[in-house]
Amino acid sequence: MLAGSRTVAVVAITTKGDIVLTRQFRPGPGKVLHEHRAALWTT
């Protein structure tokens, strides 16, 4: 849950009900992680 003014959370779900994830190498833990997509827009 996000708290704050003008905040929106969006989760991409396919027509089959699957959640879209990104597979990405993260140097901190030193392994590939599956994460939800994230972006930041300002107006």
N, C-alpha and C. Protein backbone atom coordinates (compact mmCIF):
# COMPACT_ATOMS: atom_id res chain seq x y z
N MET A 1 0.85 -1.17 0.00
CA MET A 1 0.00 0.00 0.00
C MET A 1 0.89 1.23 0.00
N LEU A 2 0.56 2.19 -0.82
CA LEU A 2 1.31 3.43 -0.89
C LEU A 2 0.51 4.55 -0.24
N ALA A 3 1.18 5.39 0.49
CA ALA A 3 0.52 6.53 1.12
C ALA A 3 1.20 7.80 0.64
N GLY A 4 0.41 8.75 0.25
CA GLY A 4 0.98 10.01 -0.22
C GLY A 4 0.01 10.69 -1.15
N SER A 5 0.28 11.93 -1.42
CA SER A 5 -0.61 12.65 -2.32
C SER A 5 -0.28 12.31 -3.76
N ARG A 6 -1.30 12.20 -4.56
CA ARG A 6 -1.16 11.96 -6.00
C ARG A 6 -0.34 10.72 -6.32
N THR A 7 -0.58 9.63 -5.65
CA THR A 7 0.15 8.39 -5.85
C THR A 7 -0.77 7.36 -6.50
N VAL A 8 -0.25 6.65 -7.51
CA VAL A 8 -1.00 5.61 -8.18
C VAL A 8 -0.10 4.39 -8.33
N ALA A 9 -0.63 3.21 -8.08
CA ALA A 9 0.11 1.97 -8.30
C ALA A 9 -0.61 1.18 -9.39
N VAL A 10 0.16 0.67 -10.36
CA VAL A 10 -0.41 -0.08 -11.47
C VAL A 10 0.32 -1.42 -11.57
N VAL A 11 -0.44 -2.50 -11.73
CA VAL A 11 0.14 -3.83 -11.91
C VAL A 11 -0.33 -4.35 -13.27
N ALA A 12 0.61 -4.75 -14.12
CA ALA A 12 0.27 -5.27 -15.44
C ALA A 12 -0.14 -6.74 -15.31
N ILE A 13 -1.36 -7.05 -15.74
CA ILE A 13 -1.90 -8.41 -15.68
C ILE A 13 -2.34 -8.80 -17.09
N THR A 14 -1.90 -9.98 -17.54
CA THR A 14 -2.27 -10.45 -18.87
C THR A 14 -3.70 -10.95 -18.88
N THR A 15 -4.22 -11.24 -20.07
CA THR A 15 -5.59 -11.76 -20.18
C THR A 15 -5.72 -13.14 -19.55
N LYS A 16 -4.60 -13.84 -19.34
CA LYS A 16 -4.61 -15.14 -18.67
C LYS A 16 -4.51 -15.01 -17.15
N GLY A 17 -4.36 -13.77 -16.65
CA GLY A 17 -4.26 -13.55 -15.21
C GLY A 17 -2.85 -13.57 -14.66
N ASP A 18 -1.85 -13.61 -15.55
CA ASP A 18 -0.45 -13.60 -15.11
C ASP A 18 0.01 -12.17 -14.84
N ILE A 19 0.86 -11.99 -13.85
CA ILE A 19 1.45 -10.67 -13.56
C ILE A 19 2.75 -10.55 -14.32
N VAL A 20 2.95 -9.42 -14.99
CA VAL A 20 4.15 -9.18 -15.80
C VAL A 20 5.31 -8.79 -14.88
N LEU A 21 6.42 -9.54 -14.96
CA LEU A 21 7.61 -9.27 -14.16
C LEU A 21 8.81 -9.03 -15.07
N THR A 22 9.82 -8.40 -14.52
CA THR A 22 11.08 -8.15 -15.21
C THR A 22 12.15 -9.04 -14.58
N ARG A 23 12.93 -9.71 -15.41
CA ARG A 23 14.06 -10.51 -14.92
C ARG A 23 15.30 -9.66 -15.11
N GLN A 24 16.01 -9.38 -14.00
CA GLN A 24 17.09 -8.41 -14.05
C GLN A 24 18.21 -8.80 -13.09
N PHE A 25 19.47 -8.67 -13.55
CA PHE A 25 20.61 -8.91 -12.67
C PHE A 25 20.79 -7.72 -11.74
N ARG A 26 20.91 -7.98 -10.45
CA ARG A 26 21.16 -6.93 -9.45
C ARG A 26 22.53 -7.18 -8.83
N PRO A 27 23.48 -6.20 -8.99
CA PRO A 27 24.83 -6.40 -8.47
C PRO A 27 24.90 -6.49 -6.94
N GLY A 28 24.00 -5.82 -6.22
CA GLY A 28 24.04 -5.87 -4.75
C GLY A 28 23.96 -7.29 -4.22
N PRO A 29 22.87 -8.00 -4.50
CA PRO A 29 22.78 -9.40 -4.05
C PRO A 29 23.58 -10.36 -4.95
N GLY A 30 24.03 -9.86 -6.12
CA GLY A 30 24.84 -10.69 -7.01
C GLY A 30 24.07 -11.80 -7.70
N LYS A 31 22.78 -11.56 -8.00
CA LYS A 31 22.00 -12.58 -8.68
C LYS A 31 20.87 -11.95 -9.49
N VAL A 32 20.24 -12.78 -10.30
CA VAL A 32 19.11 -12.34 -11.11
C VAL A 32 17.85 -12.38 -10.24
N LEU A 33 17.08 -11.28 -10.26
CA LEU A 33 15.84 -11.20 -9.50
C LEU A 33 14.67 -10.98 -10.44
N HIS A 34 13.49 -11.45 -10.03
CA HIS A 34 12.25 -11.19 -10.77
C HIS A 34 11.51 -10.09 -10.01
N GLU A 35 11.23 -8.99 -10.72
CA GLU A 35 10.62 -7.82 -10.09
C GLU A 35 9.46 -7.33 -10.93
N HIS A 36 8.55 -6.62 -10.30
CA HIS A 36 7.50 -5.95 -11.07
C HIS A 36 8.10 -4.71 -11.72
N ARG A 37 7.53 -4.30 -12.84
CA ARG A 37 8.04 -3.14 -13.55
C ARG A 37 7.75 -1.87 -12.74
N ALA A 38 8.64 -0.93 -12.80
CA ALA A 38 8.44 0.32 -12.07
C ALA A 38 8.87 1.49 -12.93
N ALA A 39 8.22 2.62 -12.71
CA ALA A 39 8.57 3.83 -13.44
C ALA A 39 8.12 5.02 -12.59
N LEU A 40 8.69 6.16 -12.87
CA LEU A 40 8.33 7.39 -12.17
C LEU A 40 8.05 8.48 -13.18
N TRP A 41 6.87 9.06 -13.09
CA TRP A 41 6.52 10.18 -13.95
C TRP A 41 6.22 11.38 -13.09
N THR A 42 6.68 12.52 -13.48
CA THR A 42 6.33 13.75 -12.79
C THR A 42 5.68 14.68 -13.79
N THR A 43 4.81 15.53 -13.30
CA THR A 43 4.13 16.47 -14.19
C THR A 43 4.43 17.89 -13.78
